[in-house]
Amino acid sequence: MFRTLVSVNTLALLTLVLTGCSSNSVTIIEEQPQLINKETGRFQNMDAGEKSYPLTCKQDCYKPRSDIQCDGNDICQYIGNKKLASQTTDFSVNWLGHAAFVIKTPTGERFLTDPVFNDFDWPINWLFSLDGGEQREMNVEATPELIAVTDAVLYSHLHYDHFNKSDIETIGRKPEYLVPLNVADHFPSIGANITELGWFSSKKIGDSLVTAVPAHHFSSRTFVPFIYEDNNKDSWSAWLIESKGETLFFAGDTGYSEHFKAISERYGDIDVCLLPIASYYSEESPEWYRYVHMTPEDALAAADDLNCKIFIPWGYGNASWGMGDLSSHSPLTRFLNMAEKIGTSAEIVILNEGESL
């Protein structure tokens, strides 16, 4: 594996040739040191520690809605108004399902976020099935046409529902891969061109600028989830894409914290925000789940912190796995109920899988 370390602070370029069988080319861009826990030596969140949240839904959270309809096969669709009332953007956004988006920038670059096309890597897909976990009602397909037009793939973190090695082999070496720090070591050996970016570090893809920014989450990649030896050895990120004076923010998995305000203070109002609203529910550990995933009302607060003009929620739906949620569309039900109750300055756009902004 070939790894290049780019330090903007020192303007030094250091190329390290490491022995091993991998043929991937890896560049590291870390414009400022990322936060490390002094006791553990692992990556940590910007706003670590106990949390207080602006609002928590306690009544009528899942009141049934006429604008969400399900058929006899548990395939649900949002049938409400999908038109933008006032805001416009030159970004094109197609939601494939879960965290996977196809993003076309105003200058024509195409990005793919967190693609997991069918199921988790083995053996997690098998273990998940044995445990009785929810399976996808719909799969996301990796078409040759999609791969052919993709300029870069953005991964937010290593969890199995966001990062799939077999899908990387399917996508192949044509697109560039932008990932958080230390994630390149988990790639299969396909001759990929990989760039690891620390928080607030950037890379140009065509005429678009892509910047890694903080998320409030964690990292692990083991057969037995959450064991300490693997926790937070690899980083996690959100992504900001700037093109022709417009910005798009993809949050990755994240809990609500002060990092949203820090991003807004640094980069200004965001034109299009892709924010998660699911996987916050757990009877066993409700506080921990919310610490690393946003409730729908947390996402509404985050949209206001970011001064989003257009807000597209994700994480619910037929192409998600139902992890930590009541049903495929319960997060969307709660989101719409809370949006009506508390409001937001952002223009909300609700998509079904396969639909586009």
Protein backbone atom coordinates (compact mmCIF):
# COMPACT_ATOMS: atom_id res chain seq x y z
CA MET A 1 0.00 0.00 0.00
CA PHE A 2 1.28 3.46 -0.89
CA ARG A 3 0.39 6.20 1.62
CA THR A 4 1.09 9.91 1.13
CA LEU A 5 0.77 12.27 4.10
CA VAL A 6 -0.08 15.87 3.25
CA SER A 7 0.36 18.41 6.07
CA VAL A 8 -0.86 21.85 5.10
CA ASN A 9 0.37 23.36 8.35
CA THR A 10 4.00 22.49 7.62
CA LEU A 11 3.70 22.45 3.84
CA ALA A 12 5.58 19.17 3.94
CA LEU A 13 4.99 16.21 1.70
CA LEU A 14 5.98 12.83 3.06
CA THR A 15 5.58 9.64 1.08
CA LEU A 16 5.68 6.39 2.99
CA VAL A 17 5.95 3.11 1.15
CA LEU A 18 4.62 0.38 3.40
CA THR A 19 5.16 -3.29 2.76
CA GLY A 20 2.12 -5.43 2.19
CA CYS A 21 0.00 -6.94 -0.52
CA SER A 22 -2.34 -3.99 -1.06
CA SER A 23 -2.09 -2.11 -4.32
CA ASN A 24 -4.29 0.77 -3.18
CA SER A 25 -2.82 4.28 -3.33
CA VAL A 26 -3.57 6.26 -0.16
CA THR A 27 -3.12 10.00 0.40
CA ILE A 28 -3.63 11.50 3.87
CA ILE A 29 -4.68 15.15 4.20
CA GLU A 30 -4.81 16.43 7.77
CA GLU A 31 -4.84 20.22 7.76
CA GLN A 32 -5.13 20.40 11.55
CA PRO A 33 -4.72 17.69 14.20
CA GLN A 34 -7.92 15.76 14.82
CA LEU A 35 -9.19 15.32 18.36
CA ILE A 36 -7.64 12.39 20.21
CA ASN A 37 -8.64 11.15 23.67
CA LYS A 38 -5.50 11.52 25.80
CA GLU A 39 -6.34 8.52 27.99
CA THR A 40 -7.21 6.03 25.26
CA GLY A 41 -5.29 7.39 22.29
CA ARG A 42 -8.44 6.98 20.17
CA PHE A 43 -10.42 9.46 18.11
CA GLN A 44 -13.10 11.36 19.97
CA ASN A 45 -16.04 13.65 19.25
CA MET A 46 -15.69 17.42 19.20
CA ASP A 47 -18.43 17.83 21.81
CA ALA A 48 -17.81 14.77 23.98
CA GLY A 49 -19.53 14.32 27.33
CA GLU A 50 -23.05 14.46 28.70
CA LYS A 51 -25.73 16.01 26.53
CA SER A 52 -28.84 18.09 26.92
CA TYR A 53 -31.24 18.27 24.01
CA PRO A 54 -33.41 21.18 22.86
CA LEU A 55 -36.63 19.14 22.72
CA THR A 56 -37.91 15.60 23.20
CA CYS A 57 -41.18 14.32 21.80
CA LYS A 58 -43.26 12.79 24.61
CA GLN A 59 -46.82 12.73 23.27
CA ASP A 60 -48.43 11.76 19.96
CA CYS A 61 -44.98 11.13 18.48
CA TYR A 62 -46.23 8.37 16.21
CA LYS A 63 -49.74 9.61 15.53
CA PRO A 64 -50.81 7.93 12.26
CA ARG A 65 -50.66 10.07 9.16
CA SER A 66 -52.64 9.96 5.93
CA ASP A 67 -49.59 11.04 3.91
CA ILE A 68 -47.74 7.77 4.69
CA GLN A 69 -49.38 4.69 3.17
CA CYS A 70 -48.27 1.05 3.39
CA ASP A 71 -49.35 -1.92 1.27
CA GLY A 72 -49.89 -5.52 2.33
CA ASN A 73 -46.19 -6.29 1.83
CA ASP A 74 -45.11 -3.62 4.37
CA ILE A 75 -43.80 -1.37 1.60
CA CYS A 76 -44.55 2.19 2.69
CA GLN A 77 -44.53 5.41 0.69
CA TYR A 78 -44.81 9.08 1.47
CA ILE A 79 -47.62 10.48 -0.69
CA GLY A 80 -47.69 14.05 0.61
CA ASN A 81 -46.61 17.23 -1.12
CA LYS A 82 -43.07 16.96 -2.52
CA LYS A 83 -42.85 20.34 -4.22
CA LEU A 84 -40.46 23.05 -3.14
CA ALA A 85 -42.40 26.16 -2.20
CA SER A 86 -39.63 28.72 -2.58
CA GLN A 87 -36.04 27.45 -2.42
CA THR A 88 -34.07 26.34 -5.49
CA THR A 89 -30.70 24.67 -5.94
CA ASP A 90 -28.44 23.58 -8.78
CA PHE A 91 -27.52 20.43 -6.85
CA SER A 92 -29.27 17.25 -8.01
CA VAL A 93 -29.90 14.71 -5.25
CA ASN A 94 -31.17 11.17 -5.82
CA TRP A 95 -31.88 9.06 -2.72
CA LEU A 96 -31.14 5.37 -3.25
CA GLY A 97 -32.05 4.39 0.32
CA HIS A 98 -30.65 4.45 3.88
CA ALA A 99 -27.55 6.71 3.66
CA ALA A 100 -26.87 6.21 -0.05
CA PHE A 101 -27.29 9.30 -2.24
CA VAL A 102 -26.23 10.14 -5.76
CA ILE A 103 -25.26 13.82 -5.77
CA LYS A 104 -24.62 15.85 -8.93
CA THR A 105 -23.03 19.22 -8.27
CA PRO A 106 -23.73 22.48 -10.11
CA THR A 107 -20.41 21.99 -11.95
CA GLY A 108 -21.28 18.42 -12.98
CA GLU A 109 -19.32 16.18 -10.60
CA ARG A 110 -21.15 13.11 -9.33
CA PHE A 111 -20.68 11.72 -5.82
CA LEU A 112 -22.00 8.56 -4.18
CA THR A 113 -22.38 8.49 -0.37
CA ASP A 114 -22.16 5.42 1.89
CA PRO A 115 -23.26 2.82 -0.68
CA VAL A 116 -24.39 -0.52 0.76
CA PHE A 117 -26.20 -2.06 -2.17
CA ASN A 118 -27.67 -5.29 -0.85
CA ASP A 119 -26.69 -6.54 2.59
CA PHE A 120 -23.92 -6.26 5.15
CA ASP A 121 -20.53 -7.86 4.63
CA TRP A 122 -20.30 -11.48 5.79
CA PRO A 123 -20.55 -12.64 8.55
CA ILE A 124 -22.56 -9.72 9.97
CA ASN A 125 -25.39 -10.26 7.49
CA TRP A 126 -25.62 -13.88 8.67
CA LEU A 127 -25.41 -12.99 12.37
CA PHE A 128 -27.97 -10.23 11.91
CA SER A 129 -30.37 -12.68 10.29
CA LEU A 130 -29.91 -15.26 13.08
CA ASP A 131 -30.62 -12.56 15.67
CA GLY A 132 -33.97 -11.81 14.08
CA GLY A 133 -32.97 -8.35 12.89
CA GLU A 134 -35.11 -6.53 10.36
CA GLN A 135 -34.16 -7.16 6.75
CA ARG A 136 -34.49 -4.68 3.93
CA GLU A 137 -37.86 -4.69 2.18
CA MET A 138 -36.09 -3.23 -0.86
CA ASN A 139 -32.48 -3.61 -2.02
CA VAL A 140 -30.37 -0.87 -3.58
CA GLU A 141 -28.82 -1.91 -6.89
CA ALA A 142 -25.32 -1.09 -8.14
CA THR A 143 -25.96 -0.55 -11.83
CA PRO A 144 -23.05 -0.26 -14.29
CA GLU A 145 -24.52 3.07 -15.42
CA LEU A 146 -24.36 4.46 -11.87
CA ILE A 147 -20.75 3.37 -11.36
CA ALA A 148 -19.67 4.68 -14.76
CA VAL A 149 -20.71 8.28 -13.97
CA THR A 150 -19.47 8.38 -10.35
CA ASP A 151 -16.45 10.64 -9.86
CA ALA A 152 -15.95 9.93 -6.15
CA VAL A 153 -17.40 7.80 -3.36
CA LEU A 154 -17.69 9.42 0.09
CA TYR A 155 -17.72 7.16 3.16
CA SER A 156 -18.72 8.63 6.52
CA HIS A 157 -17.58 5.75 8.77
CA LEU A 158 -16.95 2.01 8.97
CA HIS A 159 -20.18 0.60 10.41
CA TYR A 160 -21.57 -2.25 8.37
CA ASP A 161 -24.68 -0.41 7.18
CA HIS A 162 -22.49 2.36 5.71
CA PHE A 163 -19.33 0.59 4.49
CA ASN A 164 -19.31 -2.67 2.56
CA LYS A 165 -16.12 -4.21 1.20
CA SER A 166 -17.89 -6.35 -1.38
CA ASP A 167 -19.56 -3.23 -2.77
CA ILE A 168 -16.16 -1.55 -3.10
CA GLU A 169 -15.06 -4.50 -5.21
CA THR A 170 -18.19 -4.04 -7.34
CA ILE A 171 -17.65 -0.28 -7.72
CA GLY A 172 -13.99 -0.84 -8.61
CA ARG A 173 -11.09 1.51 -9.12
CA LYS A 174 -12.59 4.12 -11.48
CA PRO A 175 -13.99 6.56 -8.87
CA GLU A 176 -11.84 8.19 -6.23
CA TYR A 177 -12.62 7.30 -2.61
CA LEU A 178 -12.73 9.96 0.13
CA VAL A 179 -12.77 8.56 3.67
CA PRO A 180 -12.08 9.53 7.31
CA LEU A 181 -8.66 8.95 8.86
CA ASN A 182 -7.45 5.31 9.14
CA VAL A 183 -10.35 3.95 7.06
CA ALA A 184 -8.23 3.12 4.00
CA ASP A 185 -6.72 0.13 5.82
CA HIS A 186 -10.11 -1.59 5.63
CA PHE A 187 -10.35 -1.46 1.83
CA PRO A 188 -9.98 -4.57 -0.31
CA SER A 189 -6.93 -4.57 -2.57
CA ILE A 190 -8.35 -3.33 -5.86
CA GLY A 191 -5.87 -0.60 -6.84
CA ALA A 192 -8.16 2.11 -5.52
CA ASN A 193 -7.20 5.78 -5.28
CA ILE A 194 -8.09 6.67 -1.67
CA THR A 195 -7.76 9.96 0.18
CA GLU A 196 -8.13 10.06 3.97
CA LEU A 197 -9.16 13.47 5.26
CA GLY A 198 -9.04 14.79 8.81
CA TRP A 199 -11.76 17.16 9.97
CA PHE A 200 -11.73 20.54 8.18
CA SER A 201 -9.45 19.13 5.46
CA SER A 202 -10.42 19.49 1.80
CA LYS A 203 -9.80 18.03 -1.63
CA LYS A 204 -10.85 19.22 -5.09
CA ILE A 205 -12.78 16.75 -7.22
CA GLY A 206 -13.14 18.38 -10.61
CA ASP A 207 -14.46 21.87 -9.94
CA SER A 208 -16.05 20.90 -6.59
CA LEU A 209 -14.38 21.20 -3.20
CA VAL A 210 -15.07 18.36 -0.73
CA THR A 211 -14.37 18.93 2.97
CA ALA A 212 -14.46 16.46 5.86
CA VAL A 213 -16.25 18.01 8.83
CA PRO A 214 -17.13 16.64 12.29
CA ALA A 215 -19.91 14.20 13.07
CA HIS A 216 -20.88 13.06 16.58
CA HIS A 217 -20.59 9.27 16.37
CA PHE A 218 -18.11 6.43 16.96
CA SER A 219 -16.29 3.71 15.03
CA SER A 220 -16.00 -0.06 15.28
CA ARG A 221 -15.50 -2.85 12.77
CA THR A 222 -15.59 -6.22 14.51
CA PHE A 223 -17.62 -9.40 14.45
CA VAL A 224 -18.63 -8.60 18.03
CA PRO A 225 -19.85 -4.98 18.02
CA PHE A 226 -18.65 -2.41 20.55
CA ILE A 227 -15.68 -4.34 21.96
CA TYR A 228 -13.18 -1.83 23.29
CA GLU A 229 -10.14 -3.06 21.36
CA ASP A 230 -11.65 -1.87 18.09
CA ASN A 231 -13.58 1.21 19.22
CA ASN A 232 -12.61 4.55 17.66
CA LYS A 233 -9.32 3.42 16.13
CA ASP A 234 -10.71 4.77 12.87
CA SER A 235 -12.34 8.17 12.48
CA TRP A 236 -15.80 9.26 11.28
CA SER A 237 -16.89 12.34 9.33
CA ALA A 238 -19.62 14.32 7.74
CA TRP A 239 -19.01 15.82 4.29
CA LEU A 240 -19.46 19.32 2.87
CA ILE A 241 -19.50 19.78 -0.91
CA GLU A 242 -19.00 23.28 -2.33
CA SER A 243 -19.69 23.96 -5.99
CA LYS A 244 -20.32 27.17 -7.89
CA GLY A 245 -21.12 29.11 -4.72
CA GLU A 246 -23.56 26.49 -3.35
CA THR A 247 -23.05 24.03 -0.49
CA LEU A 248 -24.41 20.56 0.30
CA PHE A 249 -23.96 18.88 3.68
CA PHE A 250 -24.14 15.09 4.20
CA ALA A 251 -24.14 14.40 7.93
CA GLY A 252 -23.38 10.67 8.00
CA ASP A 253 -24.52 8.98 11.20
CA THR A 254 -24.46 11.51 14.03
CA GLY A 255 -25.98 12.49 17.32
CA TYR A 256 -27.02 16.06 18.05
CA SER A 257 -24.28 18.26 19.52
CA GLU A 258 -22.63 21.66 19.31
CA HIS A 259 -20.63 20.56 16.26
CA PHE A 260 -23.47 21.70 13.97
CA LYS A 261 -23.10 25.29 15.18
CA ALA A 262 -19.33 25.07 14.75
CA ILE A 263 -19.80 23.98 11.13
CA SER A 264 -22.25 26.81 10.49
CA GLU A 265 -19.92 29.40 12.02
CA ARG A 266 -17.09 28.21 9.79
CA TYR A 267 -18.89 27.68 6.47
CA GLY A 268 -22.03 29.81 6.66
CA ASP A 269 -25.58 28.84 5.71
CA ILE A 270 -25.98 25.48 3.95
CA ASP A 271 -28.04 25.27 0.76
CA VAL A 272 -28.90 21.54 0.95
CA CYS A 273 -28.71 19.43 4.15
CA LEU A 274 -28.98 15.63 4.14
CA LEU A 275 -29.65 14.75 7.80
CA PRO A 276 -30.43 11.37 9.44
CA ILE A 277 -33.60 10.94 11.51
CA ALA A 278 -33.52 7.22 12.42
CA SER A 279 -31.89 4.53 14.61
CA TYR A 280 -32.41 6.59 17.78
CA TYR A 281 -34.77 4.14 19.50
CA SER A 282 -33.75 1.40 21.91
CA GLU A 283 -35.50 0.07 25.00
CA GLU A 284 -32.21 -1.33 26.32
CA SER A 285 -30.07 1.82 26.06
CA PRO A 286 -32.13 4.82 24.97
CA GLU A 287 -29.61 7.44 26.16
CA TRP A 288 -26.69 5.82 24.33
CA TYR A 289 -28.63 5.39 21.07
CA ARG A 290 -29.61 9.05 21.10
CA TYR A 291 -26.05 10.08 21.94
CA VAL A 292 -24.84 8.79 18.56
CA HIS A 293 -28.05 9.11 16.45
CA MET A 294 -30.49 11.98 16.12
CA THR A 295 -34.17 11.80 16.92
CA PRO A 296 -36.37 13.56 14.35
CA GLU A 297 -36.63 16.60 16.61
CA ASP A 298 -32.83 16.62 17.04
CA ALA A 299 -32.52 16.74 13.26
CA LEU A 300 -34.90 19.69 13.11
CA ALA A 301 -32.71 21.50 15.65
CA ALA A 302 -29.60 20.61 13.65
CA ALA A 303 -31.17 22.04 10.48
CA ASP A 304 -31.75 25.32 12.29
CA ASP A 305 -28.19 25.30 13.68
CA LEU A 306 -26.86 24.87 10.13
CA ASN A 307 -29.30 27.43 8.68
CA CYS A 308 -30.27 24.87 6.06
CA LYS A 309 -32.25 26.21 3.13
CA ILE A 310 -33.37 22.77 1.95
CA PHE A 311 -33.56 19.81 4.37
CA ILE A 312 -33.81 16.21 3.12
CA PRO A 313 -34.17 13.62 5.94
CA TRP A 314 -32.91 10.05 5.53
CA GLY A 315 -32.41 6.77 7.41
CA TYR A 316 -36.04 5.64 7.43
CA GLY A 317 -37.65 3.62 4.67
CA ASN A 318 -37.97 0.34 2.84
CA ALA A 319 -34.25 0.13 2.01
CA SER A 320 -33.17 0.52 5.66
CA TRP A 321 -32.70 -2.30 8.14
CA GLY A 322 -34.96 -1.11 10.95
CA MET A 323 -32.08 -1.04 13.43
CA GLY A 324 -33.15 0.71 16.61
CA ASP A 325 -36.52 1.82 15.23
CA LEU A 326 -40.15 0.82 15.68
CA SER A 327 -40.85 0.28 11.98
CA SER A 328 -39.52 1.33 8.59
CA HIS A 329 -41.41 4.63 8.53
CA SER A 330 -41.87 5.38 12.23
CA PRO A 331 -38.98 7.91 12.17
CA LEU A 332 -40.63 9.72 9.25
CA THR A 333 -44.00 9.68 11.05
CA ARG A 334 -42.42 11.23 14.15
CA PHE A 335 -40.46 13.69 12.01
CA LEU A 336 -43.53 14.99 10.18
CA ASN A 337 -45.54 15.24 13.39
CA MET A 338 -42.77 17.18 15.12
CA ALA A 339 -42.12 19.41 12.10
CA GLU A 340 -45.77 20.45 12.19
CA LYS A 341 -45.56 21.07 15.93
CA ILE A 342 -42.29 23.01 16.21
CA GLY A 343 -41.57 24.11 12.64
CA THR A 344 -38.27 24.93 10.99
CA SER A 345 -36.92 27.69 8.79
CA ALA A 346 -35.66 25.07 6.29
CA GLU A 347 -37.66 23.89 3.30
CA ILE A 348 -38.37 20.19 4.00
CA VAL A 349 -38.25 17.78 1.05
CA ILE A 350 -39.44 14.21 1.69
CA LEU A 351 -38.21 11.55 -0.73
CA ASN A 352 -39.08 7.91 -1.24
CA GLU A 353 -36.30 5.58 -2.36
CA GLY A 354 -35.39 6.29 -5.98
CA GLU A 355 -36.78 9.83 -5.97
CA SER A 356 -34.77 12.98 -6.66
CA LEU A 357 -34.57 16.62 -5.75
